[in-house]
């Protein structure tokens, strides 16, 4: 049994064995990437820019004031409002 355990443990490779250095792998230049990867990066950048430029939708018929979930303000005109 001990021989079996020893042989199993000798086959276990730790994560430290795979890590050669703490430095991250060097990044490839954009021009060195395959065309599919270049397209994916350009599309992701366009999506991020569109998200930043998009306005949040205006609330129609809302209660006004601060968001009660964030500020704990459940009272409107002296009445406690519960959703």
PDB file of N, CA and C in Angstrom:
ATOM      1  N   UNK A   1       0.823  -1.193   0.000  1.00  0.00           N
ATOM      2  CA  UNK A   1       0.000   0.000   0.000  1.00  0.00           C
ATOM      3  C   UNK A   1       0.862   1.250   0.000  1.00  0.00           C
ATOM      4  N   UNK A   2       1.940   1.270   0.788  1.00  0.00           N
ATOM      5  CA  UNK A   2       2.810   2.442   0.827  1.00  0.00           C
ATOM      6  C   UNK A   2       3.490   2.675  -0.510  1.00  0.00           C
ATOM      7  N   UNK A   3       3.870   1.595  -1.185  1.00  0.00           N
ATOM      8  CA  UNK A   3       4.494   1.747  -2.496  1.00  0.00           C
ATOM      9  C   UNK A   3       3.511   2.347  -3.491  1.00  0.00           C
ATOM     10  N   UNK A   4       2.242   1.926  -3.373  1.00  0.00           N
ATOM     11  CA  UNK A   4       1.213   2.462  -4.256  1.00  0.00           C
ATOM     12  C   UNK A   4       1.036   3.963  -4.027  1.00  0.00           C
ATOM     13  N   UNK A   5       0.977   4.359  -2.765  1.00  0.00           N
ATOM     14  CA  UNK A   5       0.805   5.768  -2.418  1.00  0.00           C
ATOM     15  C   UNK A   5       1.999   6.581  -2.889  1.00  0.00           C
ATOM     16  N   UNK A   6       3.177   6.049  -2.725  1.00  0.00           N
ATOM     17  CA  UNK A   6       4.376   6.765  -3.147  1.00  0.00           C
ATOM     18  C   UNK A   6       4.390   6.963  -4.654  1.00  0.00           C
ATOM     19  N   UNK A   7       3.964   5.949  -5.398  1.00  0.00           N
ATOM     20  CA  UNK A   7       3.981   6.090  -6.853  1.00  0.00           C
ATOM     21  C   UNK A   7       2.915   7.082  -7.311  1.00  0.00           C
ATOM     22  N   UNK A   8       1.771   7.111  -6.636  1.00  0.00           N
ATOM     23  CA  UNK A   8       0.728   8.071  -6.995  1.00  0.00           C
ATOM     24  C   UNK A   8       1.200   9.483  -6.685  1.00  0.00           C
ATOM     25  N   UNK A   9       1.806   9.681  -5.525  1.00  0.00           N
ATOM     26  CA  UNK A   9       2.275  11.010  -5.137  1.00  0.00           C
ATOM     27  C   UNK A   9       3.402  11.501  -6.033  1.00  0.00           C
ATOM     28  N   UNK A  10       4.196  10.594  -6.562  1.00  0.00           N
ATOM     29  CA  UNK A  10       5.291  11.030  -7.429  1.00  0.00           C
ATOM     30  C   UNK A  10       4.764  11.511  -8.773  1.00  0.00           C
ATOM     31  N   UNK A  11       3.543  11.095  -9.141  1.00  0.00           N
ATOM     32  CA  UNK A  11       2.947  11.533 -10.397  1.00  0.00           C
ATOM     33  C   UNK A  11       2.227  12.870 -10.276  1.00  0.00           C
ATOM     34  N   UNK A  12       2.016  13.340  -9.060  1.00  0.00           N
ATOM     35  CA  UNK A  12       1.319  14.607  -8.848  1.00  0.00           C
ATOM     36  C   UNK A  12       2.281  15.746  -9.148  1.00  0.00           C
ATOM     37  N   UNK A  13       1.830  16.670  -9.967  1.00  0.00           N
ATOM     38  CA  UNK A  13       2.655  17.817 -10.323  1.00  0.00           C
ATOM     39  C   UNK A  13       2.009  19.051  -9.720  1.00  0.00           C
ATOM     40  N   UNK A  14       2.795  19.819  -9.014  1.00  0.00           N
ATOM     41  CA  UNK A  14       2.227  21.007  -8.377  1.00  0.00           C
ATOM     42  C   UNK A  14       2.157  22.165  -9.369  1.00  0.00           C
ATOM     43  N   UNK A  15       1.369  23.166  -9.012  1.00  0.00           N
ATOM     44  CA  UNK A  15       1.211  24.344  -9.852  1.00  0.00           C
ATOM     45  C   UNK A  15       2.542  25.086  -9.982  1.00  0.00           C
ATOM     46  N   UNK A  16       3.346  25.041  -8.941  1.00  0.00           N
ATOM     47  CA  UNK A  16       4.636  25.724  -8.972  1.00  0.00           C
ATOM     48  C   UNK A  16       5.548  25.148 -10.049  1.00  0.00           C
ATOM     49  N   UNK A  17       5.391  23.873 -10.361  1.00  0.00           N
ATOM     50  CA  UNK A  17       6.199  23.265 -11.411  1.00  0.00           C
ATOM     51  C   UNK A  17       5.874  23.859 -12.774  1.00  0.00           C
ATOM     52  N   UNK A  18       4.623  24.284 -12.968  1.00  0.00           N
ATOM     53  CA  UNK A  18       4.214  24.849 -14.248  1.00  0.00           C
ATOM     54  C   UNK A  18       4.552  26.330 -14.367  1.00  0.00           C
ATOM     55  N   UNK A  19       4.651  27.012 -13.250  1.00  0.00           N
ATOM     56  CA  UNK A  19       4.923  28.444 -13.288  1.00  0.00           C
ATOM     57  C   UNK A  19       6.424  28.669 -13.383  1.00  0.00           C
ATOM     58  N   UNK A  20       6.863  29.206 -14.492  1.00  0.00           N
ATOM     59  CA  UNK A  20       8.294  29.432 -14.680  1.00  0.00           C
ATOM     60  C   UNK A  20       8.719  30.758 -14.071  1.00  0.00           C
ATOM     61  N   UNK A  21       7.837  31.747 -14.152  1.00  0.00           N
ATOM     62  CA  UNK A  21       8.148  33.040 -13.551  1.00  0.00           C
ATOM     63  C   UNK A  21       6.849  33.718 -13.163  1.00  0.00           C
ATOM     64  N   UNK A  22       6.956  34.736 -12.338  1.00  0.00           N
ATOM     65  CA  UNK A  22       5.780  35.484 -11.908  1.00  0.00           C
ATOM     66  C   UNK A  22       5.371  36.519 -12.943  1.00  0.00           C
ATOM     67  N   UNK A  23       6.239  36.816 -13.888  1.00  0.00           N
ATOM     68  CA  UNK A  23       5.937  37.824 -14.900  1.00  0.00           C
ATOM     69  C   UNK A  23       4.909  37.274 -15.888  1.00  0.00           C
ATOM     70  N   UNK A  24       3.945  38.115 -16.289  1.00  0.00           N
ATOM     71  CA  UNK A  24       2.967  37.648 -17.280  1.00  0.00           C
ATOM     72  C   UNK A  24       3.626  37.432 -18.634  1.00  0.00           C
ATOM     73  N   UNK A  25       2.994  36.615 -19.437  1.00  0.00           N
ATOM     74  CA  UNK A  25       3.517  36.344 -20.774  1.00  0.00           C
ATOM     75  C   UNK A  25       3.481  37.629 -21.596  1.00  0.00           C
ATOM     76  N   UNK A  26       4.463  37.845 -22.448  1.00  0.00           N
ATOM     77  CA  UNK A  26       4.462  39.069 -23.258  1.00  0.00           C
ATOM     78  C   UNK A  26       3.271  39.084 -24.203  1.00  0.00           C
ATOM     79  N   UNK A  27       2.693  40.271 -24.389  1.00  0.00           N
ATOM     80  CA  UNK A  27       1.530  40.403 -25.259  1.00  0.00           C
ATOM     81  C   UNK A  27       1.984  40.521 -26.703  1.00  0.00           C
ATOM     82  N   UNK A  28       1.200  39.913 -27.587  1.00  0.00           N
ATOM     83  CA  UNK A  28       1.505  40.003 -29.012  1.00  0.00           C
ATOM     84  C   UNK A  28       1.043  41.354 -29.538  1.00  0.00           C
ATOM     85  N   UNK A  29       1.720  41.820 -30.568  1.00  0.00           N
ATOM     86  CA  UNK A  29       1.282  43.041 -31.232  1.00  0.00           C
ATOM     87  C   UNK A  29      -0.003  42.748 -31.988  1.00  0.00           C
ATOM     88  N   UNK A  30      -0.818  43.780 -32.171  1.00  0.00           N
ATOM     89  CA  UNK A  30      -2.097  43.619 -32.856  1.00  0.00           C
ATOM     90  C   UNK A  30      -1.888  43.051 -34.255  1.00  0.00           C
ATOM     91  N   UNK A  31      -0.856  43.504 -34.935  1.00  0.00           N
ATOM     92  CA  UNK A  31      -0.601  43.058 -36.308  1.00  0.00           C
ATOM     93  C   UNK A  31      -0.197  41.588 -36.364  1.00  0.00           C
ATOM     94  N   UNK A  32       0.360  41.062 -35.266  1.00  0.00           N
ATOM     95  CA  UNK A  32       0.816  39.671 -35.235  1.00  0.00           C
ATOM     96  C   UNK A  32      -0.318  38.683 -34.957  1.00  0.00           C
ATOM     97  N   UNK A  33      -1.479  39.179 -34.548  1.00  0.00           N
ATOM     98  CA  UNK A  33      -2.605  38.303 -34.232  1.00  0.00           C
ATOM     99  C   UNK A  33      -3.279  37.808 -35.510  1.00  0.00           C
ATOM    100  N   UNK A  34      -3.935  36.659 -35.442  1.00  0.00           N
ATOM    101  CA  UNK A  34      -4.681  36.170 -36.610  1.00  0.00           C
ATOM    102  C   UNK A  34      -5.844  37.120 -36.934  1.00  0.00           C
ATOM    103  N   UNK A  35      -6.303  37.129 -38.178  1.00  0.00           N
ATOM    104  CA  UNK A  35      -7.385  38.045 -38.576  1.00  0.00           C
ATOM    105  C   UNK A  35      -8.651  37.900 -37.732  1.00  0.00           C
ATOM    106  N   UNK A  36      -9.002  36.685 -37.339  1.00  0.00           N
ATOM    107  CA  UNK A  36     -10.205  36.486 -36.522  1.00  0.00           C
ATOM    108  C   UNK A  36     -10.053  37.160 -35.158  1.00  0.00           C
ATOM    109  N   UNK A  37      -8.868  37.063 -34.573  1.00  0.00           N
ATOM    110  CA  UNK A  37      -8.625  37.702 -33.280  1.00  0.00           C
ATOM    111  C   UNK A  37      -8.648  39.219 -33.417  1.00  0.00           C
ATOM    112  N   UNK A  38      -8.104  39.735 -34.514  1.00  0.00           N
ATOM    113  CA  UNK A  38      -8.136  41.182 -34.749  1.00  0.00           C
ATOM    114  C   UNK A  38      -9.575  41.674 -34.861  1.00  0.00           C
ATOM    115  N   UNK A  39     -10.408  40.946 -35.613  1.00  0.00           N
ATOM    116  CA  UNK A  39     -11.822  41.338 -35.754  1.00  0.00           C
ATOM    117  C   UNK A  39     -12.525  41.312 -34.402  1.00  0.00           C
ATOM    118  N   UNK A  40     -12.256  40.281 -33.611  1.00  0.00           N
ATOM    119  CA  UNK A  40     -12.899  40.158 -32.299  1.00  0.00           C
ATOM    120  C   UNK A  40     -12.512  41.321 -31.394  1.00  0.00           C
ATOM    121  N   UNK A  41     -11.243  41.700 -31.412  1.00  0.00           N
ATOM    122  CA  UNK A  41     -10.803  42.823 -30.585  1.00  0.00           C
ATOM    123  C   UNK A  41     -11.435  44.132 -31.040  1.00  0.00           C
ATOM    124  N   UNK A  42     -11.520  44.338 -32.345  1.00  0.00           N
ATOM    125  CA  UNK A  42     -12.146  45.562 -32.860  1.00  0.00           C
ATOM    126  C   UNK A  42     -13.634  45.613 -32.516  1.00  0.00           C
ATOM    127  N   UNK A  43     -14.318  44.472 -32.625  1.00  0.00           N
ATOM    128  CA  UNK A  43     -15.737  44.425 -32.277  1.00  0.00           C
ATOM    129  C   UNK A  43     -15.947  44.687 -30.790  1.00  0.00           C
ATOM    130  N   UNK A  44     -15.094  44.131 -29.942  1.00  0.00           N
ATOM    131  CA  UNK A  44     -15.215  44.346 -28.499  1.00  0.00           C
ATOM    132  C   UNK A  44     -14.986  45.813 -28.154  1.00  0.00           C
ATOM    133  N   UNK A  45     -14.015  46.433 -28.803  1.00  0.00           N
ATOM    134  CA  UNK A  45     -13.750  47.849 -28.560  1.00  0.00           C
ATOM    135  C   UNK A  45     -14.944  48.702 -28.991  1.00  0.00           C
ATOM    136  N   UNK A  46     -15.548  48.364 -30.128  1.00  0.00           N
ATOM    137  CA  UNK A  46     -16.719  49.110 -30.603  1.00  0.00           C
ATOM    138  C   UNK A  46     -17.893  48.950 -29.639  1.00  0.00           C
ATOM    139  N   UNK A  47     -18.079  47.731 -29.093  1.00  0.00           N
ATOM    140  CA  UNK A  47     -19.160  47.510 -28.123  1.00  0.00           C
ATOM    141  C   UNK A  47     -18.934  48.328 -26.862  1.00  0.00           C
ATOM    142  N   UNK A  48     -17.693  48.372 -26.369  1.00  0.00           N
ATOM    143  CA  UNK A  48     -17.397  49.151 -25.164  1.00  0.00           C
ATOM    144  C   UNK A  48     -17.672  50.633 -25.385  1.00  0.00           C
ATOM    145  N   UNK A  49     -17.281  51.150 -26.540  1.00  0.00           N
ATOM    146  CA  UNK A  49     -17.526  52.560 -26.844  1.00  0.00           C
ATOM    147  C   UNK A  49     -19.021  52.841 -26.937  1.00  0.00           C
ATOM    148  N   UNK A  50     -19.778  51.930 -27.541  1.00  0.00           N
ATOM    149  CA  UNK A  50     -21.228  52.114 -27.661  1.00  0.00           C
ATOM    150  C   UNK A  50     -21.895  52.101 -26.290  1.00  0.00           C
ATOM    151  N   UNK A  51     -21.434  51.243 -25.389  1.00  0.00           N
ATOM    152  CA  UNK A  51     -21.995  51.189 -24.041  1.00  0.00           C
ATOM    153  C   UNK A  51     -21.726  52.482 -23.288  1.00  0.00           C
ATOM    154  N   UNK A  52     -20.543  53.049 -23.454  1.00  0.00           N
ATOM    155  CA  UNK A  52     -20.202  54.288 -22.763  1.00  0.00           C
ATOM    156  C   UNK A  52     -21.022  55.456 -23.286  1.00  0.00           C
ATOM    157  N   UNK A  53     -21.317  55.460 -24.578  1.00  0.00           N
ATOM    158  CA  UNK A  53     -22.035  56.568 -25.174  1.00  0.00           C
ATOM    159  C   UNK A  53     -23.544  56.448 -25.003  1.00  0.00           C
ATOM    160  N   UNK A  54     -24.030  55.257 -24.745  1.00  0.00           N
ATOM    161  CA  UNK A  54     -25.478  55.055 -24.626  1.00  0.00           C
ATOM    162  C   UNK A  54     -25.997  55.720 -23.353  1.00  0.00           C
ATOM    163  N   UNK A  55     -27.116  56.413 -23.480  1.00  0.00           N
ATOM    164  CA  UNK A  55     -27.737  57.033 -22.318  1.00  0.00           C
ATOM    165  C   UNK A  55     -28.633  56.017 -21.635  1.00  0.00           C
ATOM    166  N   UNK A  56     -28.777  56.183 -20.327  1.00  0.00           N
ATOM    167  CA  UNK A  56     -29.714  55.324 -19.624  1.00  0.00           C
ATOM    168  C   UNK A  56     -31.126  55.797 -19.934  1.00  0.00           C
ATOM    169  N   UNK A  57     -32.048  54.874 -19.969  1.00  0.00           N
ATOM    170  CA  UNK A  57     -33.434  55.204 -20.297  1.00  0.00           C
ATOM    171  C   UNK A  57     -34.044  56.054 -19.185  1.00  0.00           C
ATOM    172  N   UNK A  58     -34.836  57.036 -19.569  1.00  0.00           N
ATOM    173  CA  UNK A  58     -35.520  57.887 -18.601  1.00  0.00           C
ATOM    174  C   UNK A  58     -36.722  57.138 -18.045  1.00  0.00           C
ATOM    175  N   UNK A  59     -36.955  57.305 -16.755  1.00  0.00           N
ATOM    176  CA  UNK A  59     -38.091  56.657 -16.123  1.00  0.00           C
ATOM    177  C   UNK A  59     -39.343  57.486 -16.371  1.00  0.00           C
ATOM    178  N   UNK A  60     -40.388  56.842 -16.826  1.00  0.00           N
ATOM    179  CA  UNK A  60     -41.650  57.523 -17.104  1.00  0.00           C
ATOM    180  C   UNK A  60     -42.619  57.211 -15.969  1.00  0.00           C
ATOM    181  N   UNK A  61     -43.122  58.245 -15.327  1.00  0.00           N
ATOM    182  CA  UNK A  61     -44.079  58.053 -14.239  1.00  0.00           C
ATOM    183  C   UNK A  61     -43.445  57.553 -12.961  1.00  0.00           C
ATOM    184  N   UNK A  62     -42.178  57.793 -12.778  1.00  0.00           N
ATOM    185  CA  UNK A  62     -41.485  57.348 -11.581  1.00  0.00           C
ATOM    186  C   UNK A  62     -41.832  58.202 -10.379  1.00  0.00           C
ATOM    187  N   UNK A  63     -41.376  57.821  -9.207  1.00  0.00           N
ATOM    188  CA  UNK A  63     -41.720  58.520  -7.985  1.00  0.00           C
ATOM    189  C   UNK A  63     -40.878  59.762  -7.770  1.00  0.00           C
ATOM    190  N   UNK A  64     -39.773  59.904  -8.470  1.00  0.00           N
ATOM    191  CA  UNK A  64     -38.900  61.057  -8.281  1.00  0.00           C
ATOM    192  C   UNK A  64     -38.041  60.896  -7.035  1.00  0.00           C
ATOM    193  N   UNK A  65     -37.052  61.727  -6.938  1.00  0.00           N
ATOM    194  CA  UNK A  65     -36.177  61.674  -5.776  1.00  0.00           C
ATOM    195  C   UNK A  65     -35.145  60.571  -5.880  1.00  0.00           C
ATOM    196  N   UNK A  66     -34.514  60.346  -4.746  1.00  0.00           N
ATOM    197  CA  UNK A  66     -33.450  59.345  -4.705  1.00  0.00           C
ATOM    198  C   UNK A  66     -34.022  57.933  -4.775  1.00  0.00           C
ATOM    199  N   UNK A  67     -33.190  57.020  -5.212  1.00  0.00           N
ATOM    200  CA  UNK A  67     -33.574  55.618  -5.313  1.00  0.00           C
ATOM    201  C   UNK A  67     -33.721  55.048  -3.904  1.00  0.00           C
ATOM    202  N   UNK A  68     -34.925  54.583  -3.511  1.00  0.00           N
ATOM    203  CA  UNK A  68     -35.115  54.111  -2.139  1.00  0.00           C
ATOM    204  C   UNK A  68     -34.290  52.873  -1.807  1.00  0.00           C
ATOM    205  N   UNK A  69     -34.007  52.051  -2.789  1.00  0.00           N
ATOM    206  CA  UNK A  69     -33.216  50.853  -2.520  1.00  0.00           C
ATOM    207  C   UNK A  69     -31.787  51.221  -2.147  1.00  0.00           C
ATOM    208  N   UNK A  70     -31.290  52.301  -2.696  1.00  0.00           N
ATOM    209  CA  UNK A  70     -29.914  52.704  -2.409  1.00  0.00           C
ATOM    210  C   UNK A  70     -29.819  53.591  -1.179  1.00  0.00           C
ATOM    211  N   UNK A  71     -30.830  54.431  -0.954  1.00  0.00           N
ATOM    212  CA  UNK A  71     -30.727  55.430   0.103  1.00  0.00           C
ATOM    213  C   UNK A  71     -31.660  55.153   1.278  1.00  0.00           C
ATOM    214  N   UNK A  72     -32.465  54.108   1.232  1.00  0.00           N
ATOM    215  CA  UNK A  72     -33.333  53.762   2.347  1.00  0.00           C
ATOM    216  C   UNK A  72     -34.447  54.774   2.566  1.00  0.00           C
ATOM    217  N   UNK A  73     -34.841  55.508   1.546  1.00  0.00           N
ATOM    218  CA  UNK A  73     -35.861  56.545   1.659  1.00  0.00           C
ATOM    219  C   UNK A  73     -37.191  55.977   1.177  1.00  0.00           C
ATOM    220  N   UNK A  74     -37.909  55.313   2.073  1.00  0.00           N
ATOM    221  CA  UNK A  74     -39.157  54.653   1.693  1.00  0.00           C
ATOM    222  C   UNK A  74     -40.369  55.533   1.963  1.00  0.00           C
ATOM    223  N   UNK A  75     -40.159  56.779   2.346  1.00  0.00           N
ATOM    224  CA  UNK A  75     -41.269  57.651   2.706  1.00  0.00           C
ATOM    225  C   UNK A  75     -41.489  58.702   1.625  1.00  0.00           C
ATOM    226  N   UNK A  76     -42.736  58.853   1.174  1.00  0.00           N
ATOM    227  CA  UNK A  76     -43.093  59.877   0.198  1.00  0.00           C
ATOM    228  C   UNK A  76     -44.233  60.696   0.783  1.00  0.00           C
ATOM    229  N   UNK A  77     -44.038  61.996   0.931  1.00  0.00           N
ATOM    230  CA  UNK A  77     -45.060  62.906   1.459  1.00  0.00           C
ATOM    231  C   UNK A  77     -45.646  62.401   2.771  1.00  0.00           C
ATOM    232  N   UNK A  78     -44.798  61.928   3.666  1.00  0.00           N
ATOM    233  CA  UNK A  78     -45.244  61.505   4.984  1.00  0.00           C
ATOM    234  C   UNK A  78     -45.810  60.100   5.039  1.00  0.00           C
ATOM    235  N   UNK A  79     -45.898  59.417   3.918  1.00  0.00           N
ATOM    236  CA  UNK A  79     -46.427  58.054   3.905  1.00  0.00           C
ATOM    237  C   UNK A  79     -45.284  57.084   3.628  1.00  0.00           C
ATOM    238  N   UNK A  80     -45.286  55.988   4.338  1.00  0.00           N
ATOM    239  CA  UNK A  80     -44.280  54.960   4.085  1.00  0.00           C
ATOM    240  C   UNK A  80     -44.755  54.112   2.922  1.00  0.00           C
ATOM    241  N   UNK A  81     -43.934  54.000   1.926  1.00  0.00           N
ATOM    242  CA  UNK A  81     -44.284  53.276   0.719  1.00  0.00           C
ATOM    243  C   UNK A  81     -43.539  51.945   0.720  1.00  0.00           C
ATOM    244  N   UNK A  82     -44.257  50.888   0.464  1.00  0.00           N
ATOM    245  CA  UNK A  82     -43.650  49.569   0.361  1.00  0.00           C
ATOM    246  C   UNK A  82     -44.023  49.000  -0.998  1.00  0.00           C
ATOM    247  N   UNK A  83     -43.043  48.540  -1.706  1.00  0.00           N
ATOM    248  CA  UNK A  83     -43.304  48.044  -3.053  1.00  0.00           C
ATOM    249  C   UNK A  83     -43.883  46.675  -2.962  1.00  0.00           C
TER     250      UNK A  83
END
